Amino acid sequence: MKITVISVIRNEGIIIPFFLRHYRPVVDRFIFYDDASTDDTRDLIRAHPNTELHDNPAGGVLDDVTNITIKNTVYQHEPGDWFFMPDADEFLFHPDLRGLLERYDRQGVTLPRVEGWDMVSDYIPSAEHSLLTDHIKFGVRNAFMDKMIVVHAGVIMNWEPGAHTHHASPHVESEQADIKLLHYKYLSKSYVIVKATTHPLSARNHALKLGYTDGRPSSESWEKYYDENWPRRVRVIP
């Protein structure tokens, strides 16, 4: 069984070491589309085995239509059995993910359901030799993050921008959400502010109001979300 990750990234130097370390025991191959990173993201990826690095044609601005086109199409031309399409802050979690996918293969499941959680922290742990799942175990349930981004070869996906909604054919969904999607966007309040204010939106995003929440620039609403959900956290990982 061959598993490939395909991810669109930009300036993820803080989280990409955790991302690679998290998926390395499960994944055979990583394919990244980098959107003109100006930090050490590209160097970190090149130093990791079994990775491919491509340029995102969006050209340094957040363009959700370009990003979702990559996710909808690239995997269809790649060899392999299973494909993960997470953003850099999305960590798929199951105690035995490869074993679960082998069971899904036997059952004929081709599009597993996932259970989304926003993981909320007040600090960023050291990336050296550590896993985010060992440090940050508390979060809040967010059904909006139930993104079905684990796809078997042969399933034709048509995600909407952001990959929160989709159309798929042909496919068989799992009966329950055995996989958690841990969204490590809220590593700290300062991290949230930087992430929300340093990636310019494309003209198309502005026209379509993508990359915004409640009609406002995402920085304001992301900070409010962090403040509201910090006291609501529950333990997600044993």
C-alpha atoms as a PDB file:
ATOM      1  CA  MET A   1       0.000   0.000   0.000  1.00  0.00           C
ATOM      2  CA  LYS A   2       1.414   3.364  -1.078  1.00  0.00           C
ATOM      3  CA  ILE A   3       0.299   6.610   0.587  1.00  0.00           C
ATOM      4  CA  THR A   4       1.064  10.071  -0.796  1.00  0.00           C
ATOM      5  CA  VAL A   5       0.577  13.489   0.802  1.00  0.00           C
ATOM      6  CA  ILE A   6      -0.180  16.461  -1.461  1.00  0.00           C
ATOM      7  CA  SER A   7      -0.129  19.861   0.221  1.00  0.00           C
ATOM      8  CA  VAL A   8      -0.149  23.534  -0.781  1.00  0.00           C
ATOM      9  CA  ILE A   9       2.064  25.627   1.510  1.00  0.00           C
ATOM     10  CA  ARG A  10       3.549  29.069   2.110  1.00  0.00           C
ATOM     11  CA  ASN A  11       5.923  30.254   4.860  1.00  0.00           C
ATOM     12  CA  GLU A  12       5.373  27.202   7.064  1.00  0.00           C
ATOM     13  CA  GLY A  13       8.869  27.086   8.559  1.00  0.00           C
ATOM     14  CA  ILE A  14       7.484  26.753  12.089  1.00  0.00           C
ATOM     15  CA  ILE A  15       5.064  23.917  11.515  1.00  0.00           C
ATOM     16  CA  ILE A  16       6.538  21.998   8.560  1.00  0.00           C
ATOM     17  CA  PRO A  17       9.093  20.063  10.704  1.00  0.00           C
ATOM     18  CA  PHE A  18       6.179  18.842  12.859  1.00  0.00           C
ATOM     19  CA  PHE A  19       4.158  18.051   9.716  1.00  0.00           C
ATOM     20  CA  LEU A  20       6.935  15.951   8.176  1.00  0.00           C
ATOM     21  CA  ARG A  21       7.688  14.173  11.442  1.00  0.00           C
ATOM     22  CA  HIS A  22       4.004  13.429  12.052  1.00  0.00           C
ATOM     23  CA  TYR A  23       3.335  11.897   8.644  1.00  0.00           C
ATOM     24  CA  ARG A  24       6.706  10.223   8.036  1.00  0.00           C
ATOM     25  CA  PRO A  25       5.831   6.892   9.767  1.00  0.00           C
ATOM     26  CA  VAL A  26       2.715   6.543   7.606  1.00  0.00           C
ATOM     27  CA  VAL A  27       3.424   8.244   4.280  1.00  0.00           C
ATOM     28  CA  ASP A  28       5.620   7.013   1.430  1.00  0.00           C
ATOM     29  CA  ARG A  29       5.842  10.246  -0.534  1.00  0.00           C
ATOM     30  CA  PHE A  30       5.282  13.973  -0.069  1.00  0.00           C
ATOM     31  CA  ILE A  31       4.360  16.382  -2.883  1.00  0.00           C
ATOM     32  CA  PHE A  32       4.406  20.075  -1.970  1.00  0.00           C
ATOM     33  CA  TYR A  33       3.284  23.097  -3.976  1.00  0.00           C
ATOM     34  CA  ASP A  34       4.987  26.116  -2.450  1.00  0.00           C
ATOM     35  CA  ASP A  35       3.487  29.565  -2.866  1.00  0.00           C
ATOM     36  CA  ALA A  36       6.663  31.697  -2.983  1.00  0.00           C
ATOM     37  CA  SER A  37       7.790  31.101   0.604  1.00  0.00           C
ATOM     38  CA  THR A  38      10.265  33.640   1.954  1.00  0.00           C
ATOM     39  CA  ASP A  39      11.295  31.724   5.100  1.00  0.00           C
ATOM     40  CA  ASP A  40      13.119  28.369   5.354  1.00  0.00           C
ATOM     41  CA  THR A  41      10.133  26.244   4.283  1.00  0.00           C
ATOM     42  CA  ARG A  42      11.674  25.175   0.980  1.00  0.00           C
ATOM     43  CA  ASP A  43      15.029  24.249   2.547  1.00  0.00           C
ATOM     44  CA  LEU A  44      13.337  22.162   5.231  1.00  0.00           C
ATOM     45  CA  ILE A  45      11.381  20.241   2.618  1.00  0.00           C
ATOM     46  CA  ARG A  46      14.392  19.669   0.360  1.00  0.00           C
ATOM     47  CA  ALA A  47      16.328  18.229   3.318  1.00  0.00           C
ATOM     48  CA  HIS A  48      13.637  15.619   3.924  1.00  0.00           C
ATOM     49  CA  PRO A  49      13.649  12.308   1.992  1.00  0.00           C
ATOM     50  CA  ASN A  50      10.850  11.268  -0.350  1.00  0.00           C
ATOM     51  CA  THR A  51       9.689  14.823  -1.062  1.00  0.00           C
ATOM     52  CA  GLU A  52       8.903  16.704  -4.262  1.00  0.00           C
ATOM     53  CA  LEU A  53       8.745  20.488  -4.307  1.00  0.00           C
ATOM     54  CA  HIS A  54       6.888  22.416  -6.996  1.00  0.00           C
ATOM     55  CA  ASP A  55       6.007  26.075  -7.439  1.00  0.00           C
ATOM     56  CA  ASN A  56       2.406  27.059  -6.877  1.00  0.00           C
ATOM     57  CA  PRO A  57       1.278  29.102  -9.905  1.00  0.00           C
ATOM     58  CA  ALA A  58      -0.655  31.484  -7.617  1.00  0.00           C
ATOM     59  CA  GLY A  59       2.579  33.468  -7.383  1.00  0.00           C
ATOM     60  CA  GLY A  60       2.835  34.557  -3.751  1.00  0.00           C
ATOM     61  CA  VAL A  61      -0.790  35.393  -2.964  1.00  0.00           C
ATOM     62  CA  LEU A  62      -3.430  33.217  -1.365  1.00  0.00           C
ATOM     63  CA  ASP A  63      -5.668  32.107  -4.220  1.00  0.00           C
ATOM     64  CA  ASP A  64      -8.078  29.447  -3.029  1.00  0.00           C
ATOM     65  CA  VAL A  65      -9.257  28.563  -6.536  1.00  0.00           C
ATOM     66  CA  THR A  66      -5.705  27.757  -7.673  1.00  0.00           C
ATOM     67  CA  ASN A  67      -5.040  25.801  -4.479  1.00  0.00           C
ATOM     68  CA  ILE A  68      -8.161  23.677  -4.760  1.00  0.00           C
ATOM     69  CA  THR A  69      -7.463  22.975  -8.431  1.00  0.00           C
ATOM     70  CA  ILE A  70      -4.144  21.445  -7.379  1.00  0.00           C
ATOM     71  CA  LYS A  71      -5.869  19.270  -4.778  1.00  0.00           C
ATOM     72  CA  ASN A  72      -8.635  18.226  -7.162  1.00  0.00           C
ATOM     73  CA  THR A  73      -6.366  17.196 -10.016  1.00  0.00           C
ATOM     74  CA  VAL A  74      -2.755  16.349  -9.116  1.00  0.00           C
ATOM     75  CA  TYR A  75      -3.461  13.070  -7.303  1.00  0.00           C
ATOM     76  CA  GLN A  76      -5.405  11.720 -10.283  1.00  0.00           C
ATOM     77  CA  HIS A  77      -2.158  11.536 -12.278  1.00  0.00           C
ATOM     78  CA  GLU A  78       0.008  10.056  -9.515  1.00  0.00           C
ATOM     79  CA  PRO A  79       0.642   6.374  -8.735  1.00  0.00           C
ATOM     80  CA  GLY A  80      -0.475   5.120  -5.349  1.00  0.00           C
ATOM     81  CA  ASP A  81      -3.336   3.713  -3.314  1.00  0.00           C
ATOM     82  CA  TRP A  82      -4.287   6.461  -0.848  1.00  0.00           C
ATOM     83  CA  PHE A  83      -3.837  10.229  -0.980  1.00  0.00           C
ATOM     84  CA  PHE A  84      -3.924  12.731   1.866  1.00  0.00           C
ATOM     85  CA  MET A  85      -4.623  16.394   0.980  1.00  0.00           C
ATOM     86  CA  PRO A  86      -3.992  18.318   4.213  1.00  0.00           C
ATOM     87  CA  ASP A  87      -2.961  21.908   4.661  1.00  0.00           C
ATOM     88  CA  ALA A  88       0.274  22.319   6.606  1.00  0.00           C
ATOM     89  CA  ASP A  89      -1.620  22.783   9.881  1.00  0.00           C
ATOM     90  CA  GLU A  90      -3.891  19.741   9.412  1.00  0.00           C
ATOM     91  CA  PHE A  91      -2.704  16.533  11.059  1.00  0.00           C
ATOM     92  CA  LEU A  92      -4.655  13.328  10.437  1.00  0.00           C
ATOM     93  CA  PHE A  93      -4.592  11.237  13.606  1.00  0.00           C
ATOM     94  CA  HIS A  94      -5.330   7.593  14.363  1.00  0.00           C
ATOM     95  CA  PRO A  95      -3.260   5.229  16.539  1.00  0.00           C
ATOM     96  CA  ASP A  96      -2.742   2.897  13.562  1.00  0.00           C
ATOM     97  CA  LEU A  97      -3.560   4.890  10.441  1.00  0.00           C
ATOM     98  CA  ARG A  98      -1.942   2.505   7.956  1.00  0.00           C
ATOM     99  CA  GLY A  99      -3.687  -0.444   9.587  1.00  0.00           C
ATOM    100  CA  LEU A 100      -7.001   1.399   9.419  1.00  0.00           C
ATOM    101  CA  LEU A 101      -6.556   2.118   5.705  1.00  0.00           C
ATOM    102  CA  GLU A 102      -5.720  -1.542   5.079  1.00  0.00           C
ATOM    103  CA  ARG A 103      -8.995  -2.436   6.823  1.00  0.00           C
ATOM    104  CA  TYR A 104     -10.835   0.113   4.698  1.00  0.00           C
ATOM    105  CA  ASP A 105      -9.318  -1.515   1.612  1.00  0.00           C
ATOM    106  CA  ARG A 106     -10.737  -4.867   2.664  1.00  0.00           C
ATOM    107  CA  GLN A 107     -14.136  -3.296   3.369  1.00  0.00           C
ATOM    108  CA  GLY A 108     -14.215  -1.370   0.100  1.00  0.00           C
ATOM    109  CA  VAL A 109     -14.221   2.051   1.806  1.00  0.00           C
ATOM    110  CA  THR A 110     -12.731   4.692  -0.489  1.00  0.00           C
ATOM    111  CA  LEU A 111     -13.585   7.986   1.245  1.00  0.00           C
ATOM    112  CA  PRO A 112     -13.184   7.881   5.046  1.00  0.00           C
ATOM    113  CA  ARG A 113     -15.085  10.309   7.211  1.00  0.00           C
ATOM    114  CA  VAL A 114     -13.017  12.389   9.629  1.00  0.00           C
ATOM    115  CA  GLU A 115     -13.754  14.236  12.874  1.00  0.00           C
ATOM    116  CA  GLY A 116     -12.401  17.787  12.963  1.00  0.00           C
ATOM    117  CA  TRP A 117     -10.862  19.501  15.998  1.00  0.00           C
ATOM    118  CA  ASP A 118      -9.280  22.924  16.429  1.00  0.00           C
ATOM    119  CA  MET A 119      -6.268  22.396  18.664  1.00  0.00           C
ATOM    120  CA  VAL A 120      -5.661  25.434  20.881  1.00  0.00           C
ATOM    121  CA  SER A 121      -2.362  26.169  22.630  1.00  0.00           C
ATOM    122  CA  ASP A 122      -0.613  29.057  24.349  1.00  0.00           C
ATOM    123  CA  TYR A 123       2.878  28.121  23.167  1.00  0.00           C
ATOM    124  CA  ILE A 124       4.785  26.622  20.241  1.00  0.00           C
ATOM    125  CA  PRO A 125       6.853  23.628  21.352  1.00  0.00           C
ATOM    126  CA  SER A 126      10.391  23.071  20.158  1.00  0.00           C
ATOM    127  CA  ALA A 127      10.344  21.365  16.777  1.00  0.00           C
ATOM    128  CA  GLU A 128      13.477  19.349  17.429  1.00  0.00           C
ATOM    129  CA  HIS A 129      12.686  15.619  17.568  1.00  0.00           C
ATOM    130  CA  SER A 130       9.150  16.163  18.889  1.00  0.00           C
ATOM    131  CA  LEU A 131       5.563  15.665  17.781  1.00  0.00           C
ATOM    132  CA  LEU A 132       2.799  18.226  18.130  1.00  0.00           C
ATOM    133  CA  THR A 133       0.493  15.433  19.227  1.00  0.00           C
ATOM    134  CA  ASP A 134       2.803  14.804  22.210  1.00  0.00           C
ATOM    135  CA  HIS A 135       2.623  18.432  23.322  1.00  0.00           C
ATOM    136  CA  ILE A 136      -0.749  19.873  22.327  1.00  0.00           C
ATOM    137  CA  LYS A 137      -3.566  17.516  23.213  1.00  0.00           C
ATOM    138  CA  PHE A 138      -6.467  19.889  23.940  1.00  0.00           C
ATOM    139  CA  GLY A 139      -8.892  21.473  21.509  1.00  0.00           C
ATOM    140  CA  VAL A 140     -12.484  22.194  20.586  1.00  0.00           C
ATOM    141  CA  ARG A 141     -14.763  20.246  18.298  1.00  0.00           C
ATOM    142  CA  ASN A 142     -15.335  21.946  14.951  1.00  0.00           C
ATOM    143  CA  ALA A 143     -17.580  20.166  12.464  1.00  0.00           C
ATOM    144  CA  PHE A 144     -16.463  22.653   9.795  1.00  0.00           C
ATOM    145  CA  MET A 145     -13.113  20.813   9.913  1.00  0.00           C
ATOM    146  CA  ASP A 146     -14.692  17.433   9.039  1.00  0.00           C
ATOM    147  CA  LYS A 147     -12.787  17.683   5.759  1.00  0.00           C
ATOM    148  CA  MET A 148     -12.754  14.428   3.821  1.00  0.00           C
ATOM    149  CA  ILE A 149      -9.168  14.764   2.640  1.00  0.00           C
ATOM    150  CA  VAL A 150      -8.264  11.057   2.712  1.00  0.00           C
ATOM    151  CA  VAL A 151      -9.013   9.690  -0.743  1.00  0.00           C
ATOM    152  CA  HIS A 152      -8.522   6.300  -2.355  1.00  0.00           C
ATOM    153  CA  ALA A 153      -7.158   6.109  -5.880  1.00  0.00           C
ATOM    154  CA  GLY A 154      -9.981   6.108  -8.411  1.00  0.00           C
ATOM    155  CA  VAL A 155     -12.248   8.481  -6.502  1.00  0.00           C
ATOM    156  CA  ILE A 156     -12.867  11.683  -8.441  1.00  0.00           C
ATOM    157  CA  MET A 157     -13.015  14.567  -5.980  1.00  0.00           C
ATOM    158  CA  ASN A 158     -14.399  18.017  -6.605  1.00  0.00           C
ATOM    159  CA  TRP A 159     -13.713  20.043  -3.466  1.00  0.00           C
ATOM    160  CA  GLU A 160     -14.981  23.565  -3.132  1.00  0.00           C
ATOM    161  CA  PRO A 161     -12.366  26.209  -2.150  1.00  0.00           C
ATOM    162  CA  GLY A 162     -11.033  25.409   1.314  1.00  0.00           C
ATOM    163  CA  ALA A 163     -11.917  21.689   0.876  1.00  0.00           C
ATOM    164  CA  HIS A 164     -14.659  21.959   3.505  1.00  0.00           C
ATOM    165  CA  THR A 165     -17.341  20.789   1.073  1.00  0.00           C
ATOM    166  CA  HIS A 166     -17.050  18.382  -1.813  1.00  0.00           C
ATOM    167  CA  HIS A 167     -18.646  16.213  -4.445  1.00  0.00           C
ATOM    168  CA  ALA A 168     -17.171  12.762  -5.065  1.00  0.00           C
ATOM    169  CA  SER A 169     -17.756   9.865  -7.460  1.00  0.00           C
ATOM    170  CA  PRO A 170     -17.635   6.935  -7.309  1.00  0.00           C
ATOM    171  CA  HIS A 171     -17.015   6.458  -3.607  1.00  0.00           C
ATOM    172  CA  VAL A 172     -17.928   4.515  -0.481  1.00  0.00           C
ATOM    173  CA  GLU A 173     -17.801   6.413   2.813  1.00  0.00           C
ATOM    174  CA  SER A 174     -16.844   4.856   6.129  1.00  0.00           C
ATOM    175  CA  GLU A 175     -19.705   4.300   8.548  1.00  0.00           C
ATOM    176  CA  GLN A 176     -18.055   6.392  11.242  1.00  0.00           C
ATOM    177  CA  ALA A 177     -15.295   8.943  11.611  1.00  0.00           C
ATOM    178  CA  ASP A 178     -12.387   6.821  12.841  1.00  0.00           C
ATOM    179  CA  ILE A 179      -9.800   9.463  11.892  1.00  0.00           C
ATOM    180  CA  LYS A 180      -9.400  12.766  13.696  1.00  0.00           C
ATOM    181  CA  LEU A 181      -8.321  15.852  11.777  1.00  0.00           C
ATOM    182  CA  LEU A 182      -6.312  17.944  14.233  1.00  0.00           C
ATOM    183  CA  HIS A 183      -6.190  21.563  13.076  1.00  0.00           C
ATOM    184  CA  TYR A 184      -3.081  23.189  14.560  1.00  0.00           C
ATOM    185  CA  LYS A 185      -3.872  26.696  13.408  1.00  0.00           C
ATOM    186  CA  TYR A 186      -4.117  28.100  16.946  1.00  0.00           C
ATOM    187  CA  LEU A 187      -0.636  27.317  18.295  1.00  0.00           C
ATOM    188  CA  SER A 188      -0.644  30.599  20.211  1.00  0.00           C
ATOM    189  CA  LYS A 189      -2.340  33.959  19.892  1.00  0.00           C
ATOM    190  CA  SER A 190       0.775  35.573  18.430  1.00  0.00           C
ATOM    191  CA  TYR A 191       1.035  32.736  15.897  1.00  0.00           C
ATOM    192  CA  VAL A 192      -2.587  33.287  14.895  1.00  0.00           C
ATOM    193  CA  ILE A 193      -2.009  36.999  14.327  1.00  0.00           C
ATOM    194  CA  VAL A 194       1.091  36.432  12.185  1.00  0.00           C
ATOM    195  CA  LYS A 195      -0.592  33.753  10.061  1.00  0.00           C
ATOM    196  CA  ALA A 196      -3.671  35.894   9.531  1.00  0.00           C
ATOM    197  CA  THR A 197      -1.846  39.043   8.481  1.00  0.00           C
ATOM    198  CA  THR A 198       1.146  37.946   6.408  1.00  0.00           C
ATOM    199  CA  HIS A 199      -0.369  36.058   3.468  1.00  0.00           C
ATOM    200  CA  PRO A 200      -1.906  38.515   0.986  1.00  0.00           C
ATOM    201  CA  LEU A 201      -5.151  37.513  -0.686  1.00  0.00           C
ATOM    202  CA  SER A 202      -5.483  37.392  -4.453  1.00  0.00           C
ATOM    203  CA  ALA A 203      -7.850  39.702  -6.309  1.00  0.00           C
ATOM    204  CA  ARG A 204     -10.021  36.659  -6.992  1.00  0.00           C
ATOM    205  CA  ASN A 205     -10.175  35.835  -3.265  1.00  0.00           C
ATOM    206  CA  HIS A 206     -11.303  39.387  -2.546  1.00  0.00           C
ATOM    207  CA  ALA A 207     -13.937  39.231  -5.273  1.00  0.00           C
ATOM    208  CA  LEU A 208     -15.282  35.871  -4.058  1.00  0.00           C
ATOM    209  CA  LYS A 209     -14.806  36.727  -0.339  1.00  0.00           C
ATOM    210  CA  LEU A 210     -12.565  33.714   0.173  1.00  0.00           C
ATOM    211  CA  GLY A 211     -10.083  33.821   3.045  1.00  0.00           C
ATOM    212  CA  TYR A 212     -12.482  35.939   5.073  1.00  0.00           C
ATOM    213  CA  THR A 213     -14.726  35.086   8.008  1.00  0.00           C
ATOM    214  CA  ASP A 214     -18.026  36.871   8.617  1.00  0.00           C
ATOM    215  CA  GLY A 215     -17.140  39.309   5.864  1.00  0.00           C
ATOM    216  CA  ARG A 216     -14.098  40.633   7.740  1.00  0.00           C
ATOM    217  CA  PRO A 217     -10.376  40.070   7.263  1.00  0.00           C
ATOM    218  CA  SER A 218      -9.556  36.824   8.975  1.00  0.00           C
ATOM    219  CA  SER A 219      -7.094  38.302  11.500  1.00  0.00           C
ATOM    220  CA  GLU A 220      -9.834  39.911  13.610  1.00  0.00           C
ATOM    221  CA  SER A 221     -12.133  36.898  13.643  1.00  0.00           C
ATOM    222  CA  TRP A 222      -9.300  34.402  14.203  1.00  0.00           C
ATOM    223  CA  GLU A 223      -8.157  36.280  17.327  1.00  0.00           C
ATOM    224  CA  LYS A 224     -11.718  36.366  18.647  1.00  0.00           C
ATOM    225  CA  TYR A 225     -12.097  32.640  17.976  1.00  0.00           C
ATOM    226  CA  TYR A 226      -8.888  31.927  19.883  1.00  0.00           C
ATOM    227  CA  ASP A 227     -10.000  33.972  22.906  1.00  0.00           C
ATOM    228  CA  GLU A 228     -13.453  32.393  22.990  1.00  0.00           C
ATOM    229  CA  ASN A 229     -12.268  28.806  22.672  1.00  0.00           C
ATOM    230  CA  TRP A 230      -9.237  28.797  24.951  1.00  0.00           C
ATOM    231  CA  PRO A 231     -11.442  28.167  28.047  1.00  0.00           C
ATOM    232  CA  ARG A 232     -13.606  25.633  26.168  1.00  0.00           C
ATOM    233  CA  ARG A 233     -10.802  23.189  25.368  1.00  0.00           C
ATOM    234  CA  VAL A 234     -11.195  19.493  26.139  1.00  0.00           C
ATOM    235  CA  ARG A 235      -8.691  16.671  25.887  1.00  0.00           C
ATOM    236  CA  VAL A 236      -8.655  15.271  22.355  1.00  0.00           C
ATOM    237  CA  ILE A 237      -5.580  13.019  22.398  1.00  0.00           C
ATOM    238  CA  PRO A 238      -5.083  10.472  25.235  1.00  0.00           C
END
